């Protein structure tokens, strides 16, 4: 790479202010373009990025996203993940959903019991996207939507969310009642022991659940199997709550053998 030496020193100098931070390829290309001036091409920019990666100035977090470090910085991938996961999650989810989204399913349930750890997989409910993507490294993100051929239910579900602050970002997430119903949608009592034990602990205190909210959620979506699974667990763990759930099931759903 004959051209690299004339630009590399200045580029490394510019990257110092990005040390220990995330930089996207578009931002990096802008820096390179200012340094190279009229000699700039995308091909040359990518060659410089490749060289920086080989010299350990850049760590590839995922496609088009890098972590800036210097060769003497001994930073593990786990530390980078812990430090920058929420930043990338926030940026990725916001840009993919135009800010219309909330954290659902098991991670939402964990947040209600004060578990703020980085999940192996996270579900983001939104109005338009259904896909599985990578947030960072090996941590996937699953975009989910609630819709039929004629109707999208996102706005109605968004009413049943709260907000939580993680790092410096605010994330909307499902209320406790919605998170429970979501978790019980595809549920196996034997294989999903972690979820089962968490729900058991929650429903032992009936004051934790808003029964009126449960009824409203049932009215929006066909959570018939979920509410019956919840009823089955409450019959073992909290008979008072089970007795209060049964009229809701009979009015908004129907009793199933699950």
C-alpha atoms as a PDB file:
ATOM      1  CA  UNK A   1       0.000   0.000   0.000  1.00  0.00           C
ATOM      2  CA  UNK A   2       2.234   2.785  -1.286  1.00  0.00           C
ATOM      3  CA  UNK A   3      -0.126   5.604  -0.388  1.00  0.00           C
ATOM      4  CA  UNK A   4      -0.801   4.560   3.211  1.00  0.00           C
ATOM      5  CA  UNK A   5       2.292   5.938   4.953  1.00  0.00           C
ATOM      6  CA  UNK A   6       1.562   9.512   3.907  1.00  0.00           C
ATOM      7  CA  UNK A   7      -1.878   9.406   5.576  1.00  0.00           C
ATOM      8  CA  UNK A   8      -1.581   6.834   8.357  1.00  0.00           C
ATOM      9  CA  UNK A   9       0.161   8.984  10.984  1.00  0.00           C
ATOM     10  CA  UNK A  10      -2.408  11.765  10.626  1.00  0.00           C
ATOM     11  CA  UNK A  11      -5.295   9.275  10.672  1.00  0.00           C
ATOM     12  CA  UNK A  12      -4.023   7.629  13.866  1.00  0.00           C
ATOM     13  CA  UNK A  13      -3.683  11.099  15.409  1.00  0.00           C
ATOM     14  CA  UNK A  14      -7.307  11.912  14.486  1.00  0.00           C
ATOM     15  CA  UNK A  15      -8.501   8.622  15.948  1.00  0.00           C
ATOM     16  CA  UNK A  16      -7.103   9.462  19.382  1.00  0.00           C
ATOM     17  CA  UNK A  17     -10.284  11.322  20.317  1.00  0.00           C
ATOM     18  CA  UNK A  18     -12.253   8.168  19.411  1.00  0.00           C
ATOM     19  CA  UNK A  19     -10.145   5.927  21.650  1.00  0.00           C
ATOM     20  CA  UNK A  20     -12.347   3.482  23.603  1.00  0.00           C
ATOM     21  CA  UNK A  21     -15.362   4.553  21.569  1.00  0.00           C
ATOM     22  CA  UNK A  22     -17.513   3.171  18.772  1.00  0.00           C
ATOM     23  CA  UNK A  23     -17.099   4.582  15.274  1.00  0.00           C
ATOM     24  CA  UNK A  24     -19.234   3.778  12.249  1.00  0.00           C
ATOM     25  CA  UNK A  25     -17.646   3.300   8.840  1.00  0.00           C
ATOM     26  CA  UNK A  26     -19.407   6.396   7.455  1.00  0.00           C
ATOM     27  CA  UNK A  27     -17.852   8.551  10.186  1.00  0.00           C
ATOM     28  CA  UNK A  28     -14.461   6.967   9.602  1.00  0.00           C
ATOM     29  CA  UNK A  29     -14.678   7.587   5.861  1.00  0.00           C
ATOM     30  CA  UNK A  30     -15.429  11.268   6.507  1.00  0.00           C
ATOM     31  CA  UNK A  31     -12.230  11.561   8.566  1.00  0.00           C
ATOM     32  CA  UNK A  32     -10.204   9.802   5.865  1.00  0.00           C
ATOM     33  CA  UNK A  33     -11.740  11.999   3.164  1.00  0.00           C
ATOM     34  CA  UNK A  34     -10.648  15.177   5.002  1.00  0.00           C
ATOM     35  CA  UNK A  35      -7.110  13.826   5.277  1.00  0.00           C
ATOM     36  CA  UNK A  36      -6.819  12.562   1.675  1.00  0.00           C
ATOM     37  CA  UNK A  37      -8.617  15.424  -0.036  1.00  0.00           C
ATOM     38  CA  UNK A  38      -8.927  15.017  -3.837  1.00  0.00           C
ATOM     39  CA  UNK A  39      -7.068  11.690  -3.731  1.00  0.00           C
ATOM     40  CA  UNK A  40      -9.859  10.080  -1.720  1.00  0.00           C
ATOM     41  CA  UNK A  41     -11.778   7.067  -3.017  1.00  0.00           C
ATOM     42  CA  UNK A  42     -13.931   4.573  -1.095  1.00  0.00           C
ATOM     43  CA  UNK A  43     -11.555   1.825  -2.211  1.00  0.00           C
ATOM     44  CA  UNK A  44      -8.562   3.609  -0.627  1.00  0.00           C
ATOM     45  CA  UNK A  45     -10.599   4.295   2.528  1.00  0.00           C
ATOM     46  CA  UNK A  46     -11.444   0.606   2.927  1.00  0.00           C
ATOM     47  CA  UNK A  47      -7.778  -0.310   2.398  1.00  0.00           C
ATOM     48  CA  UNK A  48      -6.813   2.062   5.207  1.00  0.00           C
ATOM     49  CA  UNK A  49      -9.509   0.578   7.457  1.00  0.00           C
ATOM     50  CA  UNK A  50      -8.204  -2.897   6.687  1.00  0.00           C
ATOM     51  CA  UNK A  51      -4.673  -1.818   7.578  1.00  0.00           C
ATOM     52  CA  UNK A  52      -5.859  -0.246  10.843  1.00  0.00           C
ATOM     53  CA  UNK A  53      -7.645  -3.487  11.764  1.00  0.00           C
ATOM     54  CA  UNK A  54      -4.486  -5.502  11.079  1.00  0.00           C
ATOM     55  CA  UNK A  55      -2.502  -3.128  13.283  1.00  0.00           C
ATOM     56  CA  UNK A  56      -5.129  -3.409  16.080  1.00  0.00           C
ATOM     57  CA  UNK A  57      -6.284   0.199  15.946  1.00  0.00           C
ATOM     58  CA  UNK A  58      -9.776  -0.950  15.032  1.00  0.00           C
ATOM     59  CA  UNK A  59     -11.760  -3.909  16.310  1.00  0.00           C
ATOM     60  CA  UNK A  60     -14.663  -4.968  14.121  1.00  0.00           C
ATOM     61  CA  UNK A  61     -17.796  -5.129  16.285  1.00  0.00           C
ATOM     62  CA  UNK A  62     -20.112  -5.930  13.386  1.00  0.00           C
ATOM     63  CA  UNK A  63     -20.381  -4.910   9.759  1.00  0.00           C
ATOM     64  CA  UNK A  64     -19.598  -1.194   9.380  1.00  0.00           C
ATOM     65  CA  UNK A  65     -19.054  -0.703  13.150  1.00  0.00           C
ATOM     66  CA  UNK A  66     -15.639  -0.527  14.824  1.00  0.00           C
ATOM     67  CA  UNK A  67     -14.238  -0.071  18.309  1.00  0.00           C
ATOM     68  CA  UNK A  68     -11.230   2.282  18.365  1.00  0.00           C
ATOM     69  CA  UNK A  69      -8.241   1.166  20.415  1.00  0.00           C
ATOM     70  CA  UNK A  70      -4.479   1.304  20.179  1.00  0.00           C
ATOM     71  CA  UNK A  71      -2.139  -1.635  19.832  1.00  0.00           C
ATOM     72  CA  UNK A  72      -0.993  -1.312  23.450  1.00  0.00           C
ATOM     73  CA  UNK A  73      -4.595  -1.441  24.726  1.00  0.00           C
ATOM     74  CA  UNK A  74      -5.357  -4.937  25.993  1.00  0.00           C
ATOM     75  CA  UNK A  75      -9.146  -4.948  25.993  1.00  0.00           C
ATOM     76  CA  UNK A  76     -11.177  -8.138  25.846  1.00  0.00           C
ATOM     77  CA  UNK A  77     -14.224  -8.553  23.610  1.00  0.00           C
ATOM     78  CA  UNK A  78     -16.338  -9.180  26.724  1.00  0.00           C
ATOM     79  CA  UNK A  79     -15.338  -5.814  28.166  1.00  0.00           C
ATOM     80  CA  UNK A  80     -16.137  -4.037  24.889  1.00  0.00           C
ATOM     81  CA  UNK A  81     -19.478  -5.821  24.751  1.00  0.00           C
ATOM     82  CA  UNK A  82     -20.354  -4.800  28.307  1.00  0.00           C
ATOM     83  CA  UNK A  83     -19.251  -1.228  27.647  1.00  0.00           C
ATOM     84  CA  UNK A  84     -20.881  -0.622  24.263  1.00  0.00           C
ATOM     85  CA  UNK A  85     -23.758  -3.089  23.807  1.00  0.00           C
ATOM     86  CA  UNK A  86     -26.473  -0.674  24.951  1.00  0.00           C
ATOM     87  CA  UNK A  87     -25.146   2.135  22.761  1.00  0.00           C
ATOM     88  CA  UNK A  88     -25.232  -0.070  19.654  1.00  0.00           C
ATOM     89  CA  UNK A  89     -28.606  -1.581  20.595  1.00  0.00           C
ATOM     90  CA  UNK A  90     -30.124   1.886  21.027  1.00  0.00           C
ATOM     91  CA  UNK A  91     -28.675   3.168  17.748  1.00  0.00           C
ATOM     92  CA  UNK A  92     -29.572   0.036  15.772  1.00  0.00           C
ATOM     93  CA  UNK A  93     -33.153  -0.264  17.065  1.00  0.00           C
ATOM     94  CA  UNK A  94     -33.854   3.458  16.711  1.00  0.00           C
ATOM     95  CA  UNK A  95     -32.622   3.651  13.110  1.00  0.00           C
ATOM     96  CA  UNK A  96     -34.466   0.449  12.130  1.00  0.00           C
ATOM     97  CA  UNK A  97     -37.824   1.368  13.646  1.00  0.00           C
ATOM     98  CA  UNK A  98     -37.992   5.179  13.487  1.00  0.00           C
ATOM     99  CA  UNK A  99     -38.137   5.233  17.279  1.00  0.00           C
ATOM    100  CA  UNK A 100     -41.382   3.199  17.388  1.00  0.00           C
ATOM    101  CA  UNK A 101     -40.433   0.200  19.484  1.00  0.00           C
ATOM    102  CA  UNK A 102     -40.241  -1.426  22.873  1.00  0.00           C
ATOM    103  CA  UNK A 103     -38.292  -4.252  24.524  1.00  0.00           C
ATOM    104  CA  UNK A 104     -40.549  -7.258  24.988  1.00  0.00           C
ATOM    105  CA  UNK A 105     -40.624 -10.871  26.071  1.00  0.00           C
ATOM    106  CA  UNK A 106     -37.991 -12.314  28.418  1.00  0.00           C
ATOM    107  CA  UNK A 107     -35.717  -9.245  28.642  1.00  0.00           C
ATOM    108  CA  UNK A 108     -38.681  -7.054  29.600  1.00  0.00           C
ATOM    109  CA  UNK A 109     -39.577  -9.563  32.309  1.00  0.00           C
ATOM    110  CA  UNK A 110     -35.969  -9.535  33.554  1.00  0.00           C
ATOM    111  CA  UNK A 111     -36.003  -5.741  33.755  1.00  0.00           C
ATOM    112  CA  UNK A 112     -39.018  -5.931  36.072  1.00  0.00           C
ATOM    113  CA  UNK A 113     -36.980  -8.044  38.494  1.00  0.00           C
ATOM    114  CA  UNK A 114     -33.994  -5.662  38.235  1.00  0.00           C
ATOM    115  CA  UNK A 115     -31.886  -7.866  35.967  1.00  0.00           C
ATOM    116  CA  UNK A 116     -30.016  -5.427  33.710  1.00  0.00           C
ATOM    117  CA  UNK A 117     -27.538  -7.927  32.295  1.00  0.00           C
ATOM    118  CA  UNK A 118     -26.849  -8.178  28.561  1.00  0.00           C
ATOM    119  CA  UNK A 119     -29.163 -10.863  27.159  1.00  0.00           C
ATOM    120  CA  UNK A 120     -28.146 -13.664  24.806  1.00  0.00           C
ATOM    121  CA  UNK A 121     -31.007 -12.479  22.587  1.00  0.00           C
ATOM    122  CA  UNK A 122     -33.383  -9.538  22.820  1.00  0.00           C
ATOM    123  CA  UNK A 123     -36.851  -9.022  21.311  1.00  0.00           C
ATOM    124  CA  UNK A 124     -37.826  -5.588  19.988  1.00  0.00           C
ATOM    125  CA  UNK A 125     -41.519  -5.111  19.247  1.00  0.00           C
ATOM    126  CA  UNK A 126     -42.192  -2.611  16.470  1.00  0.00           C
ATOM    127  CA  UNK A 127     -44.874  -1.827  13.869  1.00  0.00           C
ATOM    128  CA  UNK A 128     -43.128  -2.792  10.648  1.00  0.00           C
ATOM    129  CA  UNK A 129     -40.204  -5.194  10.930  1.00  0.00           C
ATOM    130  CA  UNK A 130     -39.982  -8.965  11.423  1.00  0.00           C
ATOM    131  CA  UNK A 131     -36.410 -10.229  11.267  1.00  0.00           C
ATOM    132  CA  UNK A 132     -33.435 -11.551  13.212  1.00  0.00           C
ATOM    133  CA  UNK A 133     -30.256  -9.452  13.166  1.00  0.00           C
ATOM    134  CA  UNK A 134     -27.001  -9.119  15.086  1.00  0.00           C
ATOM    135  CA  UNK A 135     -26.639  -6.298  17.602  1.00  0.00           C
ATOM    136  CA  UNK A 136     -22.978  -6.879  18.284  1.00  0.00           C
ATOM    137  CA  UNK A 137     -20.609  -9.844  18.108  1.00  0.00           C
ATOM    138  CA  UNK A 138     -22.684 -12.961  18.821  1.00  0.00           C
ATOM    139  CA  UNK A 139     -25.705 -11.230  20.416  1.00  0.00           C
ATOM    140  CA  UNK A 140     -28.796 -11.367  18.173  1.00  0.00           C
ATOM    141  CA  UNK A 141     -31.778  -9.042  18.114  1.00  0.00           C
ATOM    142  CA  UNK A 142     -35.196 -10.248  17.011  1.00  0.00           C
ATOM    143  CA  UNK A 143     -37.595  -7.671  15.608  1.00  0.00           C
ATOM    144  CA  UNK A 144     -41.217  -8.735  16.129  1.00  0.00           C
ATOM    145  CA  UNK A 145     -44.501  -7.188  15.098  1.00  0.00           C
ATOM    146  CA  UNK A 146     -48.120  -7.822  16.044  1.00  0.00           C
ATOM    147  CA  UNK A 147     -50.286  -7.529  12.969  1.00  0.00           C
ATOM    148  CA  UNK A 148     -52.823  -9.272  10.800  1.00  0.00           C
ATOM    149  CA  UNK A 149     -53.434  -8.822   7.103  1.00  0.00           C
ATOM    150  CA  UNK A 150     -55.657  -5.808   7.746  1.00  0.00           C
ATOM    151  CA  UNK A 151     -54.461  -4.335  11.034  1.00  0.00           C
ATOM    152  CA  UNK A 152     -51.319  -3.417  12.952  1.00  0.00           C
ATOM    153  CA  UNK A 153     -51.648  -3.500  16.751  1.00  0.00           C
ATOM    154  CA  UNK A 154     -48.395  -1.786  17.745  1.00  0.00           C
ATOM    155  CA  UNK A 155     -49.957   1.526  18.866  1.00  0.00           C
ATOM    156  CA  UNK A 156     -52.338  -0.295  21.178  1.00  0.00           C
ATOM    157  CA  UNK A 157     -49.548  -2.351  22.730  1.00  0.00           C
ATOM    158  CA  UNK A 158     -47.274   0.681  23.072  1.00  0.00           C
ATOM    159  CA  UNK A 159     -49.780   2.036  25.617  1.00  0.00           C
ATOM    160  CA  UNK A 160     -48.783  -0.866  27.847  1.00  0.00           C
ATOM    161  CA  UNK A 161     -45.103   0.030  28.195  1.00  0.00           C
ATOM    162  CA  UNK A 162     -42.866   1.800  30.679  1.00  0.00           C
ATOM    163  CA  UNK A 163     -39.370   3.291  30.367  1.00  0.00           C
ATOM    164  CA  UNK A 164     -36.115   2.214  31.940  1.00  0.00           C
ATOM    165  CA  UNK A 165     -32.773   4.000  31.985  1.00  0.00           C
ATOM    166  CA  UNK A 166     -29.804   1.833  31.017  1.00  0.00           C
ATOM    167  CA  UNK A 167     -26.491   3.611  30.866  1.00  0.00           C
ATOM    168  CA  UNK A 168     -27.401   7.046  29.428  1.00  0.00           C
ATOM    169  CA  UNK A 169     -30.214   5.739  27.204  1.00  0.00           C
ATOM    170  CA  UNK A 170     -33.907   5.390  27.913  1.00  0.00           C
ATOM    171  CA  UNK A 171     -35.537   2.186  26.627  1.00  0.00           C
ATOM    172  CA  UNK A 172     -39.290   1.581  26.444  1.00  0.00           C
ATOM    173  CA  UNK A 173     -40.199  -1.901  27.609  1.00  0.00           C
ATOM    174  CA  UNK A 174     -43.314  -3.998  28.119  1.00  0.00           C
ATOM    175  CA  UNK A 175     -45.261  -3.692  31.356  1.00  0.00           C
ATOM    176  CA  UNK A 176     -45.065  -6.665  33.683  1.00  0.00           C
ATOM    177  CA  UNK A 177     -48.453  -7.994  32.523  1.00  0.00           C
ATOM    178  CA  UNK A 178     -47.612  -7.729  28.814  1.00  0.00           C
ATOM    179  CA  UNK A 179     -44.144  -9.246  29.308  1.00  0.00           C
ATOM    180  CA  UNK A 180     -45.649 -12.257  31.114  1.00  0.00           C
ATOM    181  CA  UNK A 181     -48.193 -12.882  28.367  1.00  0.00           C
ATOM    182  CA  UNK A 182     -45.496 -12.581  25.699  1.00  0.00           C
ATOM    183  CA  UNK A 183     -43.194 -15.007  27.523  1.00  0.00           C
ATOM    184  CA  UNK A 184     -46.011 -17.543  27.890  1.00  0.00           C
ATOM    185  CA  UNK A 185     -46.912 -17.430  24.192  1.00  0.00           C
ATOM    186  CA  UNK A 186     -44.316 -20.013  23.080  1.00  0.00           C
ATOM    187  CA  UNK A 187     -43.697 -21.719  26.363  1.00  0.00           C
ATOM    188  CA  UNK A 188     -42.739 -25.171  27.564  1.00  0.00           C
ATOM    189  CA  UNK A 189     -42.920 -25.731  31.310  1.00  0.00           C
ATOM    190  CA  UNK A 190     -40.050 -28.222  31.236  1.00  0.00           C
ATOM    191  CA  UNK A 191     -37.620 -26.551  28.817  1.00  0.00           C
ATOM    192  CA  UNK A 192     -38.301 -22.931  29.805  1.00  0.00           C
ATOM    193  CA  UNK A 193     -37.520 -23.410  33.491  1.00  0.00           C
ATOM    194  CA  UNK A 194     -35.810 -20.032  33.849  1.00  0.00           C
ATOM    195  CA  UNK A 195     -38.905 -18.184  32.621  1.00  0.00           C
ATOM    196  CA  UNK A 196     -41.204 -20.450  34.619  1.00  0.00           C
ATOM    197  CA  UNK A 197     -39.362 -19.854  37.896  1.00  0.00           C
ATOM    198  CA  UNK A 198     -39.291 -16.098  37.337  1.00  0.00           C
ATOM    199  CA  UNK A 199     -43.044 -15.939  36.666  1.00  0.00           C
ATOM    200  CA  UNK A 200     -43.716 -18.156  39.716  1.00  0.00           C
ATOM    201  CA  UNK A 201     -41.879 -15.730  41.985  1.00  0.00           C
ATOM    202  CA  UNK A 202     -43.748 -12.748  40.537  1.00  0.00           C
ATOM    203  CA  UNK A 203     -47.247 -14.178  40.829  1.00  0.00           C
ATOM    204  CA  UNK A 204     -46.768 -15.290  44.409  1.00  0.00           C
ATOM    205  CA  UNK A 205     -47.436 -11.598  45.128  1.00  0.00           C
ATOM    206  CA  UNK A 206     -50.758 -10.856  43.474  1.00  0.00           C
ATOM    207  CA  UNK A 207     -50.336  -7.138  44.195  1.00  0.00           C
ATOM    208  CA  UNK A 208     -47.629  -7.074  41.493  1.00  0.00           C
ATOM    209  CA  UNK A 209     -50.157  -7.683  38.708  1.00  0.00           C
ATOM    210  CA  UNK A 210     -52.627  -5.185  37.269  1.00  0.00           C
ATOM    211  CA  UNK A 211     -55.695  -7.307  36.419  1.00  0.00           C
ATOM    212  CA  UNK A 212     -57.383  -4.458  34.576  1.00  0.00           C
ATOM    213  CA  UNK A 213     -54.340  -4.147  32.314  1.00  0.00           C
ATOM    214  CA  UNK A 214     -54.394  -7.892  31.649  1.00  0.00           C
ATOM    215  CA  UNK A 215     -58.013  -7.597  30.524  1.00  0.00           C
ATOM    216  CA  UNK A 216     -57.175  -4.683  28.201  1.00  0.00           C
ATOM    217  CA  UNK A 217     -54.264  -6.589  26.634  1.00  0.00           C
ATOM    218  CA  UNK A 218     -56.470  -9.627  26.049  1.00  0.00           C
ATOM    219  CA  UNK A 219     -58.937  -7.382  24.265  1.00  0.00           C
ATOM    220  CA  UNK A 220     -56.215  -6.253  21.823  1.00  0.00           C
ATOM    221  CA  UNK A 221     -54.605  -9.551  20.911  1.00  0.00           C
ATOM    222  CA  UNK A 222     -55.264 -13.284  20.959  1.00  0.00           C
ATOM    223  CA  UNK A 223     -53.255 -14.166  24.061  1.00  0.00           C
ATOM    224  CA  UNK A 224     -55.675 -16.983  24.844  1.00  0.00           C
ATOM    225  CA  UNK A 225     -53.009 -19.642  25.356  1.00  0.00           C
ATOM    226  CA  UNK A 226     -50.820 -17.278  27.397  1.00  0.00           C
ATOM    227  CA  UNK A 227     -53.561 -16.259  29.832  1.00  0.00           C
ATOM    228  CA  UNK A 228     -54.540 -19.892  30.351  1.00  0.00           C
ATOM    229  CA  UNK A 229     -50.927 -20.852  31.037  1.00  0.00           C
ATOM    230  CA  UNK A 230     -50.748 -18.022  33.532  1.00  0.00           C
ATOM    231  CA  UNK A 231     -53.960 -19.268  35.134  1.00  0.00           C
ATOM    232  CA  UNK A 232     -52.502 -22.779  35.376  1.00  0.00           C
ATOM    233  CA  UNK A 233     -49.421 -21.471  37.209  1.00  0.00           C
ATOM    234  CA  UNK A 234     -51.500 -19.285  39.548  1.00  0.00           C
ATOM    235  CA  UNK A 235     -53.632 -22.262  40.559  1.00  0.00           C
ATOM    236  CA  UNK A 236     -50.449 -23.814  41.996  1.00  0.00           C
ATOM    237  CA  UNK A 237     -48.759 -20.682  43.320  1.00  0.00           C
ATOM    238  CA  UNK A 238     -51.463 -18.164  44.244  1.00  0.00           C
ATOM    239  CA  UNK A 239     -55.030 -19.406  44.503  1.00  0.00           C
ATOM    240  CA  UNK A 240     -56.400 -15.925  45.274  1.00  0.00           C
ATOM    241  CA  UNK A 241     -54.925 -14.564  42.055  1.00  0.00           C
ATOM    242  CA  UNK A 242     -56.230 -17.606  40.154  1.00  0.00           C
ATOM    243  CA  UNK A 243     -59.749 -16.888  41.404  1.00  0.00           C
ATOM    244  CA  UNK A 244     -59.442 -13.278  40.198  1.00  0.00           C
ATOM    245  CA  UNK A 245     -58.061 -14.331  36.829  1.00  0.00           C
ATOM    246  CA  UNK A 246     -60.826 -16.780  35.990  1.00  0.00           C
ATOM    247  CA  UNK A 247     -63.595 -14.161  35.449  1.00  0.00           C
ATOM    248  CA  UNK A 248     -61.248 -12.202  33.161  1.00  0.00           C
ATOM    249  CA  UNK A 249     -60.527 -15.313  31.102  1.00  0.00           C
ATOM    250  CA  UNK A 250     -64.233 -16.116  30.799  1.00  0.00           C
ATOM    251  CA  UNK A 251     -65.065 -12.545  29.755  1.00  0.00           C
ATOM    252  CA  UNK A 252     -62.137 -11.709  27.451  1.00  0.00           C
ATOM    253  CA  UNK A 253     -60.989 -15.163  26.343  1.00  0.00           C
ATOM    254  CA  UNK A 254     -61.979 -18.772  27.039  1.00  0.00           C
ATOM    255  CA  UNK A 255     -60.721 -21.565  29.244  1.00  0.00           C
ATOM    256  CA  UNK A 256     -58.223 -23.927  27.584  1.00  0.00           C
ATOM    257  CA  UNK A 257     -56.498 -27.080  28.758  1.00  0.00           C
ATOM    258  CA  UNK A 258     -52.824 -26.111  28.402  1.00  0.00           C
END
